[in-house]
Amino acid sequence: MNAGDTNLGKHVVESARNATYTSPDIQNEIIEVCSNLVTEKVVGRISLANCSTILADETMDISGTEQLSMCARYVDEGSQDFPIIFSKPRRLSRFHSDI
């Protein structure tokens, strides 16, 4: 492991084998938690904005699975920029089960 993070390398080498947090299930759970935190922050900012819009586009991938991409755009009063947040495409069957 040569990622340049000596603390991470030390953790992986010195931790108990069941406490390295490197299994795919644990990594996916960590990614999901991070995603939820970012989503909450973005939704909070959009809720405070005076002007916002959400764009959605649906397309079918090569395997025939419909995918939904969404983009949120809002005015941040404290900035000259207009932030644009893109989500990765989601399978519609998964998206509908989240609602």
PDB file of N, CA and C in Angstrom:
ATOM      1  N   MET A   1       0.855  -1.169   0.000  1.00  0.00           N
ATOM      2  CA  MET A   1       0.000   0.000   0.000  1.00  0.00           C
ATOM      3  C   MET A   1       0.897   1.226   0.000  1.00  0.00           C
ATOM      4  N   ASN A   2       0.812   2.003  -1.072  1.00  0.00           N
ATOM      5  CA  ASN A   2       1.630   3.190  -1.164  1.00  0.00           C
ATOM      6  C   ASN A   2       0.754   4.361  -1.570  1.00  0.00           C
ATOM      7  N   ALA A   3      -0.106   4.801  -0.655  1.00  0.00           N
ATOM      8  CA  ALA A   3      -0.987   5.925  -0.930  1.00  0.00           C
ATOM      9  C   ALA A   3      -0.432   7.209  -0.348  1.00  0.00           C
ATOM     10  N   GLY A   4       0.700   7.118   0.354  1.00  0.00           N
ATOM     11  CA  GLY A   4       1.292   8.299   0.948  1.00  0.00           C
ATOM     12  C   GLY A   4       0.753   8.621   2.330  1.00  0.00           C
ATOM     13  N   ASP A   5      -0.204   7.880   2.810  1.00  0.00           N
ATOM     14  CA  ASP A   5      -0.801   8.115   4.123  1.00  0.00           C
ATOM     15  C   ASP A   5      -0.172   7.146   5.124  1.00  0.00           C
ATOM     16  N   THR A   6       0.801   7.631   5.881  1.00  0.00           N
ATOM     17  CA  THR A   6       1.505   6.748   6.813  1.00  0.00           C
ATOM     18  C   THR A   6       0.602   6.287   7.949  1.00  0.00           C
ATOM     19  N   ASN A   7      -0.336   7.137   8.381  1.00  0.00           N
ATOM     20  CA  ASN A   7      -1.265   6.726   9.444  1.00  0.00           C
ATOM     21  C   ASN A   7      -2.150   5.572   8.990  1.00  0.00           C
ATOM     22  N   LEU A   8      -2.628   5.649   7.748  1.00  0.00           N
ATOM     23  CA  LEU A   8      -3.456   4.569   7.212  1.00  0.00           C
ATOM     24  C   LEU A   8      -2.644   3.288   7.090  1.00  0.00           C
ATOM     25  N   GLY A   9      -1.426   3.390   6.575  1.00  0.00           N
ATOM     26  CA  GLY A   9      -0.573   2.221   6.451  1.00  0.00           C
ATOM     27  C   GLY A   9      -0.291   1.577   7.798  1.00  0.00           C
ATOM     28  N   LYS A  10      -0.020   2.402   8.798  1.00  0.00           N
ATOM     29  CA  LYS A  10       0.231   1.905  10.156  1.00  0.00           C
ATOM     30  C   LYS A  10      -1.016   1.211  10.709  1.00  0.00           C
ATOM     31  N   HIS A  11      -2.192   1.796  10.463  1.00  0.00           N
ATOM     32  CA  HIS A  11      -3.450   1.210  10.937  1.00  0.00           C
ATOM     33  C   HIS A  11      -3.664  -0.177  10.334  1.00  0.00           C
ATOM     34  N   VAL A  12      -3.460  -0.290   9.024  1.00  0.00           N
ATOM     35  CA  VAL A  12      -3.687  -1.569   8.340  1.00  0.00           C
ATOM     36  C   VAL A  12      -2.709  -2.630   8.838  1.00  0.00           C
ATOM     37  N   VAL A  13      -1.464  -2.245   9.040  1.00  0.00           N
ATOM     38  CA  VAL A  13      -0.436  -3.194   9.458  1.00  0.00           C
ATOM     39  C   VAL A  13      -0.600  -3.604  10.919  1.00  0.00           C
ATOM     40  N   GLU A  14      -0.928  -2.647  11.790  1.00  0.00           N
ATOM     41  CA  GLU A  14      -0.925  -2.917  13.224  1.00  0.00           C
ATOM     42  C   GLU A  14      -2.283  -3.299  13.812  1.00  0.00           C
ATOM     43  N   SER A  15      -3.354  -3.073  13.100  1.00  0.00           N
ATOM     44  CA  SER A  15      -4.691  -3.371  13.647  1.00  0.00           C
ATOM     45  C   SER A  15      -4.965  -4.872  13.633  1.00  0.00           C
ATOM     46  N   ALA A  16      -5.874  -5.245  14.502  1.00  0.00           N
ATOM     47  CA  ALA A  16      -6.343  -6.627  14.481  1.00  0.00           C
ATOM     48  C   ALA A  16      -6.952  -6.901  13.112  1.00  0.00           C
ATOM     49  N   ARG A  17      -6.851  -8.121  12.659  1.00  0.00           N
ATOM     50  CA  ARG A  17      -7.322  -8.466  11.311  1.00  0.00           C
ATOM     51  C   ARG A  17      -8.804  -8.142  11.102  1.00  0.00           C
ATOM     52  N   ASN A  18      -9.596  -8.201  12.160  1.00  0.00           N
ATOM     53  CA  ASN A  18     -11.032  -7.919  12.026  1.00  0.00           C
ATOM     54  C   ASN A  18     -11.361  -6.441  12.263  1.00  0.00           C
ATOM     55  N   ALA A  19     -10.355  -5.573  12.349  1.00  0.00           N
ATOM     56  CA  ALA A  19     -10.608  -4.155  12.613  1.00  0.00           C
ATOM     57  C   ALA A  19      -9.918  -3.241  11.602  1.00  0.00           C
ATOM     58  N   THR A  20      -9.706  -3.723  10.380  1.00  0.00           N
ATOM     59  CA  THR A  20      -9.034  -2.887   9.380  1.00  0.00           C
ATOM     60  C   THR A  20     -10.022  -2.095   8.534  1.00  0.00           C
ATOM     61  N   TYR A  21     -11.288  -2.474   8.551  1.00  0.00           N
ATOM     62  CA  TYR A  21     -12.348  -1.784   7.802  1.00  0.00           C
ATOM     63  C   TYR A  21     -12.075  -1.774   6.303  1.00  0.00           C
ATOM     64  N   THR A  22     -11.504  -2.854   5.797  1.00  0.00           N
ATOM     65  CA  THR A  22     -11.190  -2.921   4.371  1.00  0.00           C
ATOM     66  C   THR A  22     -12.084  -3.868   3.593  1.00  0.00           C
ATOM     67  N   SER A  23     -13.044  -4.496   4.241  1.00  0.00           N
ATOM     68  CA  SER A  23     -13.932  -5.401   3.503  1.00  0.00           C
ATOM     69  C   SER A  23     -14.863  -4.574   2.607  1.00  0.00           C
ATOM     70  N   PRO A  24     -15.279  -5.115   1.472  1.00  0.00           N
ATOM     71  CA  PRO A  24     -16.178  -4.381   0.584  1.00  0.00           C
ATOM     72  C   PRO A  24     -17.468  -3.930   1.274  1.00  0.00           C
ATOM     73  N   ASP A  25     -18.021  -4.762   2.158  1.00  0.00           N
ATOM     74  CA  ASP A  25     -19.258  -4.383   2.851  1.00  0.00           C
ATOM     75  C   ASP A  25     -19.045  -3.152   3.719  1.00  0.00           C
ATOM     76  N   ILE A  26     -17.955  -3.133   4.478  1.00  0.00           N
ATOM     77  CA  ILE A  26     -17.663  -1.991   5.353  1.00  0.00           C
ATOM     78  C   ILE A  26     -17.363  -0.753   4.521  1.00  0.00           C
ATOM     79  N   GLN A  27     -16.584  -0.906   3.460  1.00  0.00           N
ATOM     80  CA  GLN A  27     -16.274   0.245   2.612  1.00  0.00           C
ATOM     81  C   GLN A  27     -17.534   0.822   1.984  1.00  0.00           C
ATOM     82  N   ASN A  28     -18.436  -0.050   1.525  1.00  0.00           N
ATOM     83  CA  ASN A  28     -19.695   0.433   0.954  1.00  0.00           C
ATOM     84  C   ASN A  28     -20.541   1.148   1.997  1.00  0.00           C
ATOM     85  N   GLU A  29     -20.534   0.655   3.222  1.00  0.00           N
ATOM     86  CA  GLU A  29     -21.288   1.303   4.285  1.00  0.00           C
ATOM     87  C   GLU A  29     -20.706   2.684   4.597  1.00  0.00           C
ATOM     88  N   ILE A  30     -19.384   2.790   4.636  1.00  0.00           N
ATOM     89  CA  ILE A  30     -18.731   4.083   4.877  1.00  0.00           C
ATOM     90  C   ILE A  30     -19.075   5.063   3.751  1.00  0.00           C
ATOM     91  N   ILE A  31     -19.032   4.590   2.506  1.00  0.00           N
ATOM     92  CA  ILE A  31     -19.384   5.438   1.365  1.00  0.00           C
ATOM     93  C   ILE A  31     -20.834   5.901   1.470  1.00  0.00           C
ATOM     94  N   GLU A  32     -21.739   5.001   1.864  1.00  0.00           N
ATOM     95  CA  GLU A  32     -23.149   5.364   1.998  1.00  0.00           C
ATOM     96  C   GLU A  32     -23.356   6.415   3.090  1.00  0.00           C
ATOM     97  N   VAL A  33     -22.654   6.271   4.209  1.00  0.00           N
ATOM     98  CA  VAL A  33     -22.763   7.253   5.292  1.00  0.00           C
ATOM     99  C   VAL A  33     -22.259   8.618   4.814  1.00  0.00           C
ATOM    100  N   CYS A  34     -21.130   8.625   4.114  1.00  0.00           N
ATOM    101  CA  CYS A  34     -20.605   9.883   3.571  1.00  0.00           C
ATOM    102  C   CYS A  34     -21.591  10.500   2.584  1.00  0.00           C
ATOM    103  N   SER A  35     -22.187   9.685   1.742  1.00  0.00           N
ATOM    104  CA  SER A  35     -23.178  10.157   0.783  1.00  0.00           C
ATOM    105  C   SER A  35     -24.369  10.795   1.490  1.00  0.00           C
ATOM    106  N   ASN A  36     -24.835  10.161   2.560  1.00  0.00           N
ATOM    107  CA  ASN A  36     -25.968  10.711   3.312  1.00  0.00           C
ATOM    108  C   ASN A  36     -25.619  12.057   3.941  1.00  0.00           C
ATOM    109  N   LEU A  37     -24.403  12.186   4.465  1.00  0.00           N
ATOM    110  CA  LEU A  37     -23.977  13.449   5.068  1.00  0.00           C
ATOM    111  C   LEU A  37     -23.915  14.565   4.028  1.00  0.00           C
ATOM    112  N   VAL A  38     -23.339  14.262   2.863  1.00  0.00           N
ATOM    113  CA  VAL A  38     -23.253  15.259   1.794  1.00  0.00           C
ATOM    114  C   VAL A  38     -24.649  15.635   1.306  1.00  0.00           C
ATOM    115  N   THR A  39     -25.524  14.642   1.139  1.00  0.00           N
ATOM    116  CA  THR A  39     -26.889  14.907   0.689  1.00  0.00           C
ATOM    117  C   THR A  39     -27.622  15.820   1.660  1.00  0.00           C
ATOM    118  N   GLU A  40     -27.501  15.561   2.957  1.00  0.00           N
ATOM    119  CA  GLU A  40     -28.140  16.417   3.964  1.00  0.00           C
ATOM    120  C   GLU A  40     -27.631  17.847   3.873  1.00  0.00           C
ATOM    121  N   LYS A  41     -26.323  18.015   3.676  1.00  0.00           N
ATOM    122  CA  LYS A  41     -25.726  19.355   3.578  1.00  0.00           C
ATOM    123  C   LYS A  41     -26.244  20.082   2.345  1.00  0.00           C
ATOM    124  N   VAL A  42     -26.282  19.393   1.203  1.00  0.00           N
ATOM    125  CA  VAL A  42     -26.754  20.005  -0.042  1.00  0.00           C
ATOM    126  C   VAL A  42     -28.226  20.368   0.061  1.00  0.00           C
ATOM    127  N   VAL A  43     -29.043  19.474   0.592  1.00  0.00           N
ATOM    128  CA  VAL A  43     -30.478  19.753   0.746  1.00  0.00           C
ATOM    129  C   VAL A  43     -30.674  20.962   1.663  1.00  0.00           C
ATOM    130  N   GLY A  44     -29.876  21.059   2.715  1.00  0.00           N
ATOM    131  CA  GLY A  44     -29.955  22.214   3.606  1.00  0.00           C
ATOM    132  C   GLY A  44     -29.640  23.506   2.882  1.00  0.00           C
ATOM    133  N   ARG A  45     -28.607  23.504   2.045  1.00  0.00           N
ATOM    134  CA  ARG A  45     -28.250  24.705   1.280  1.00  0.00           C
ATOM    135  C   ARG A  45     -29.332  25.062   0.276  1.00  0.00           C
ATOM    136  N   ILE A  46     -29.870  24.045  -0.401  1.00  0.00           N
ATOM    137  CA  ILE A  46     -30.929  24.306  -1.379  1.00  0.00           C
ATOM    138  C   ILE A  46     -32.164  24.869  -0.679  1.00  0.00           C
ATOM    139  N   SER A  47     -32.474  24.364   0.510  1.00  0.00           N
ATOM    140  CA  SER A  47     -33.642  24.841   1.263  1.00  0.00           C
ATOM    141  C   SER A  47     -33.504  26.314   1.629  1.00  0.00           C
ATOM    142  N   LEU A  48     -32.276  26.785   1.846  1.00  0.00           N
ATOM    143  CA  LEU A  48     -32.035  28.185   2.208  1.00  0.00           C
ATOM    144  C   LEU A  48     -31.975  29.107   0.994  1.00  0.00           C
ATOM    145  N   ALA A  49     -31.824  28.547  -0.183  1.00  0.00           N
ATOM    146  CA  ALA A  49     -31.682  29.354  -1.396  1.00  0.00           C
ATOM    147  C   ALA A  49     -33.005  30.001  -1.781  1.00  0.00           C
ATOM    148  N   ASN A  50     -32.909  31.217  -2.307  1.00  0.00           N
ATOM    149  CA  ASN A  50     -34.106  31.911  -2.791  1.00  0.00           C
ATOM    150  C   ASN A  50     -34.560  31.367  -4.138  1.00  0.00           C
ATOM    151  N   CYS A  51     -33.641  30.761  -4.858  1.00  0.00           N
ATOM    152  CA  CYS A  51     -33.959  30.275  -6.195  1.00  0.00           C
ATOM    153  C   CYS A  51     -33.236  28.950  -6.412  1.00  0.00           C
ATOM    154  N   SER A  52     -33.969  27.944  -6.847  1.00  0.00           N
ATOM    155  CA  SER A  52     -33.352  26.649  -7.117  1.00  0.00           C
ATOM    156  C   SER A  52     -34.171  25.898  -8.163  1.00  0.00           C
ATOM    157  N   THR A  53     -33.531  24.907  -8.766  1.00  0.00           N
ATOM    158  CA  THR A  53     -34.220  24.069  -9.734  1.00  0.00           C
ATOM    159  C   THR A  53     -33.603  22.675  -9.710  1.00  0.00           C
ATOM    160  N   ILE A  54     -34.386  21.714 -10.093  1.00  0.00           N
ATOM    161  CA  ILE A  54     -33.888  20.344 -10.211  1.00  0.00           C
ATOM    162  C   ILE A  54     -34.186  19.871 -11.621  1.00  0.00           C
ATOM    163  N   LEU A  55     -33.164  19.359 -12.283  1.00  0.00           N
ATOM    164  CA  LEU A  55     -33.301  18.815 -13.625  1.00  0.00           C
ATOM    165  C   LEU A  55     -33.179  17.301 -13.543  1.00  0.00           C
ATOM    166  N   ALA A  56     -33.973  16.605 -14.312  1.00  0.00           N
ATOM    167  CA  ALA A  56     -33.913  15.143 -14.325  1.00  0.00           C
ATOM    168  C   ALA A  56     -33.900  14.666 -15.773  1.00  0.00           C
ATOM    169  N   ASP A  57     -33.125  13.637 -16.023  1.00  0.00           N
ATOM    170  CA  ASP A  57     -33.056  13.056 -17.352  1.00  0.00           C
ATOM    171  C   ASP A  57     -32.994  11.546 -17.214  1.00  0.00           C
ATOM    172  N   GLU A  58     -33.772  10.872 -18.015  1.00  0.00           N
ATOM    173  CA  GLU A  58     -33.846   9.417 -17.961  1.00  0.00           C
ATOM    174  C   GLU A  58     -33.338   8.856 -19.281  1.00  0.00           C
ATOM    175  N   THR A  59     -32.543   7.806 -19.190  1.00  0.00           N
ATOM    176  CA  THR A  59     -32.037   7.162 -20.396  1.00  0.00           C
ATOM    177  C   THR A  59     -31.877   5.675 -20.135  1.00  0.00           C
ATOM    178  N   MET A  60     -31.773   4.907 -21.186  1.00  0.00           N
ATOM    179  CA  MET A  60     -31.590   3.473 -21.059  1.00  0.00           C
ATOM    180  C   MET A  60     -30.141   3.145 -21.394  1.00  0.00           C
ATOM    181  N   ASP A  61     -29.479   2.376 -20.532  1.00  0.00           N
ATOM    182  CA  ASP A  61     -28.099   2.005 -20.808  1.00  0.00           C
ATOM    183  C   ASP A  61     -28.052   0.825 -21.775  1.00  0.00           C
ATOM    184  N   ILE A  62     -26.850   0.395 -22.099  1.00  0.00           N
ATOM    185  CA  ILE A  62     -26.668  -0.647 -23.114  1.00  0.00           C
ATOM    186  C   ILE A  62     -27.326  -1.974 -22.720  1.00  0.00           C
ATOM    187  N   SER A  63     -27.489  -2.208 -21.406  1.00  0.00           N
ATOM    188  CA  SER A  63     -28.110  -3.461 -20.959  1.00  0.00           C
ATOM    189  C   SER A  63     -29.636  -3.365 -20.941  1.00  0.00           C
ATOM    190  N   GLY A  64     -30.169  -2.176 -21.278  1.00  0.00           N
ATOM    191  CA  GLY A  64     -31.620  -2.007 -21.292  1.00  0.00           C
ATOM    192  C   GLY A  64     -32.185  -1.527 -19.966  1.00  0.00           C
ATOM    193  N   THR A  65     -31.314  -1.204 -19.013  1.00  0.00           N
ATOM    194  CA  THR A  65     -31.768  -0.720 -17.713  1.00  0.00           C
ATOM    195  C   THR A  65     -31.966   0.797 -17.776  1.00  0.00           C
ATOM    196  N   GLU A  66     -33.151   1.261 -17.390  1.00  0.00           N
ATOM    197  CA  GLU A  66     -33.400   2.690 -17.364  1.00  0.00           C
ATOM    198  C   GLU A  66     -32.639   3.318 -16.197  1.00  0.00           C
ATOM    199  N   GLN A  67     -32.016   4.469 -16.457  1.00  0.00           N
ATOM    200  CA  GLN A  67     -31.241   5.167 -15.443  1.00  0.00           C
ATOM    201  C   GLN A  67     -31.736   6.602 -15.353  1.00  0.00           C
ATOM    202  N   LEU A  68     -31.729   7.140 -14.163  1.00  0.00           N
ATOM    203  CA  LEU A  68     -32.173   8.504 -13.916  1.00  0.00           C
ATOM    204  C   LEU A  68     -31.006   9.315 -13.383  1.00  0.00           C
ATOM    205  N   SER A  69     -30.695  10.413 -14.052  1.00  0.00           N
ATOM    206  CA  SER A  69     -29.685  11.352 -13.577  1.00  0.00           C
ATOM    207  C   SER A  69     -30.405  12.610 -13.126  1.00  0.00           C
ATOM    208  N   MET A  70     -29.946  13.168 -12.013  1.00  0.00           N
ATOM    209  CA  MET A  70     -30.570  14.390 -11.501  1.00  0.00           C
ATOM    210  C   MET A  70     -29.504  15.436 -11.252  1.00  0.00           C
ATOM    211  N   CYS A  71     -29.871  16.697 -11.447  1.00  0.00           N
ATOM    212  CA  CYS A  71     -28.974  17.815 -11.227  1.00  0.00           C
ATOM    213  C   CYS A  71     -29.736  18.865 -10.426  1.00  0.00           C
ATOM    214  N   ALA A  72     -29.141  19.330  -9.344  1.00  0.00           N
ATOM    215  CA  ALA A  72     -29.741  20.414  -8.562  1.00  0.00           C
ATOM    216  C   ALA A  72     -28.909  21.660  -8.780  1.00  0.00           C
ATOM    217  N   ARG A  73     -29.566  22.767  -9.059  1.00  0.00           N
ATOM    218  CA  ARG A  73     -28.871  24.042  -9.250  1.00  0.00           C
ATOM    219  C   ARG A  73     -29.552  25.060  -8.364  1.00  0.00           C
ATOM    220  N   TYR A  74     -28.752  25.844  -7.641  1.00  0.00           N
ATOM    221  CA  TYR A  74     -29.323  26.827  -6.742  1.00  0.00           C
ATOM    222  C   TYR A  74     -28.419  28.042  -6.627  1.00  0.00           C
ATOM    223  N   VAL A  75     -29.012  29.152  -6.190  1.00  0.00           N
ATOM    224  CA  VAL A  75     -28.265  30.383  -6.015  1.00  0.00           C
ATOM    225  C   VAL A  75     -27.786  30.443  -4.573  1.00  0.00           C
ATOM    226  N   ASP A  76     -26.482  30.589  -4.410  1.00  0.00           N
ATOM    227  CA  ASP A  76     -25.875  30.736  -3.097  1.00  0.00           C
ATOM    228  C   ASP A  76     -25.631  32.227  -2.893  1.00  0.00           C
ATOM    229  N   GLU A  77     -26.404  32.859  -2.000  1.00  0.00           N
ATOM    230  CA  GLU A  77     -26.330  34.305  -1.804  1.00  0.00           C
ATOM    231  C   GLU A  77     -24.943  34.779  -1.382  1.00  0.00           C
ATOM    232  N   GLY A  78     -24.171  33.932  -0.724  1.00  0.00           N
ATOM    233  CA  GLY A  78     -22.849  34.319  -0.249  1.00  0.00           C
ATOM    234  C   GLY A  78     -21.759  34.128  -1.280  1.00  0.00           C
ATOM    235  N   SER A  79     -22.113  33.793  -2.508  1.00  0.00           N
ATOM    236  CA  SER A  79     -21.116  33.481  -3.520  1.00  0.00           C
ATOM    237  C   SER A  79     -21.537  34.064  -4.859  1.00  0.00           C
ATOM    238  N   GLN A  80     -20.560  34.315  -5.702  1.00  0.00           N
ATOM    239  CA  GLN A  80     -20.847  34.776  -7.066  1.00  0.00           C
ATOM    240  C   GLN A  80     -21.158  33.592  -7.976  1.00  0.00           C
ATOM    241  N   ASP A  81     -20.869  32.391  -7.504  1.00  0.00           N
ATOM    242  CA  ASP A  81     -21.052  31.197  -8.319  1.00  0.00           C
ATOM    243  C   ASP A  81     -22.475  30.667  -8.203  1.00  0.00           C
ATOM    244  N   PHE A  82     -22.847  29.869  -9.166  1.00  0.00           N
ATOM    245  CA  PHE A  82     -24.101  29.144  -9.134  1.00  0.00           C
ATOM    246  C   PHE A  82     -23.755  27.668  -9.030  1.00  0.00           C
ATOM    247  N   PRO A  83     -23.748  27.119  -7.819  1.00  0.00           N
ATOM    248  CA  PRO A  83     -23.344  25.715  -7.666  1.00  0.00           C
ATOM    249  C   PRO A  83     -24.251  24.774  -8.451  1.00  0.00           C
ATOM    250  N   ILE A  84     -23.642  23.786  -9.037  1.00  0.00           N
ATOM    251  CA  ILE A  84     -24.383  22.745  -9.746  1.00  0.00           C
ATOM    252  C   ILE A  84     -23.957  21.416  -9.156  1.00  0.00           C
ATOM    253  N   ILE A  85     -24.910  20.632  -8.728  1.00  0.00           N
ATOM    254  CA  ILE A  85     -24.615  19.338  -8.129  1.00  0.00           C
ATOM    255  C   ILE A  85     -25.194  18.268  -9.033  1.00  0.00           C
ATOM    256  N   PHE A  86     -24.342  17.358  -9.488  1.00  0.00           N
ATOM    257  CA  PHE A  86     -24.796  16.263 -10.329  1.00  0.00           C
ATOM    258  C   PHE A  86     -24.813  14.979  -9.522  1.00  0.00           C
ATOM    259  N   SER A  87     -25.808  14.194  -9.722  1.00  0.00           N
ATOM    260  CA  SER A  87     -25.820  12.875  -9.096  1.00  0.00           C
ATOM    261  C   SER A  87     -25.421  11.854 -10.143  1.00  0.00           C
ATOM    262  N   LYS A  88     -24.893  10.748  -9.685  1.00  0.00           N
ATOM    263  CA  LYS A  88     -24.578   9.696 -10.634  1.00  0.00           C
ATOM    264  C   LYS A  88     -25.878   9.039 -11.080  1.00  0.00           C
ATOM    265  N   PRO A  89     -25.896   8.472 -12.256  1.00  0.00           N
ATOM    266  CA  PRO A  89     -27.114   7.808 -12.721  1.00  0.00           C
ATOM    267  C   PRO A  89     -27.543   6.697 -11.763  1.00  0.00           C
ATOM    268  N   ARG A  90     -28.832   6.559 -11.574  1.00  0.00           N
ATOM    269  CA  ARG A  90     -29.370   5.506 -10.715  1.00  0.00           C
ATOM    270  C   ARG A  90     -30.321   4.663 -11.531  1.00  0.00           C
ATOM    271  N   ARG A  91     -30.339   3.397 -11.217  1.00  0.00           N
ATOM    272  CA  ARG A  91     -31.328   2.528 -11.849  1.00  0.00           C
ATOM    273  C   ARG A  91     -32.694   2.920 -11.321  1.00  0.00           C
ATOM    274  N   LEU A  92     -33.639   3.039 -12.189  1.00  0.00           N
ATOM    275  CA  LEU A  92     -34.957   3.496 -11.771  1.00  0.00           C
ATOM    276  C   LEU A  92     -35.613   2.553 -10.784  1.00  0.00           C
ATOM    277  N   SER A  93     -35.389   1.257 -10.917  1.00  0.00           N
ATOM    278  CA  SER A  93     -36.007   0.322  -9.980  1.00  0.00           C
ATOM    279  C   SER A  93     -35.517   0.609  -8.563  1.00  0.00           C
ATOM    280  N   ARG A  94     -34.241   0.937  -8.400  1.00  0.00           N
ATOM    281  CA  ARG A  94     -33.690   1.279  -7.077  1.00  0.00           C
ATOM    282  C   ARG A  94     -34.235   2.630  -6.626  1.00  0.00           C
ATOM    283  N   PHE A  95     -34.301   3.592  -7.550  1.00  0.00           N
ATOM    284  CA  PHE A  95     -34.785   4.924  -7.214  1.00  0.00           C
ATOM    285  C   PHE A  95     -36.205   4.869  -6.686  1.00  0.00           C
ATOM    286  N   HIS A  96     -37.071   4.128  -7.363  1.00  0.00           N
ATOM    287  CA  HIS A  96     -38.465   4.042  -6.940  1.00  0.00           C
ATOM    288  C   HIS A  96     -38.591   3.358  -5.580  1.00  0.00           C
ATOM    289  N   SER A  97     -37.705   2.441  -5.271  1.00  0.00           N
ATOM    290  CA  SER A  97     -37.798   1.769  -3.973  1.00  0.00           C
ATOM    291  C   SER A  97     -37.349   2.687  -2.848  1.00  0.00           C
ATOM    292  N   ASP A  98     -36.571   3.759  -3.175  1.00  0.00           N
ATOM    293  CA  ASP A  98     -36.121   4.728  -2.160  1.00  0.00           C
ATOM    294  C   ASP A  98     -37.213   5.714  -1.782  1.00  0.00           C
ATOM    295  N   ILE A  99     -38.226   5.859  -2.636  1.00  0.00           N
ATOM    296  CA  ILE A  99     -39.262   6.875  -2.409  1.00  0.00           C
ATOM    297  C   ILE A  99     -40.244   6.392  -1.349  1.00  0.00           C
TER     298      ILE A  99
END
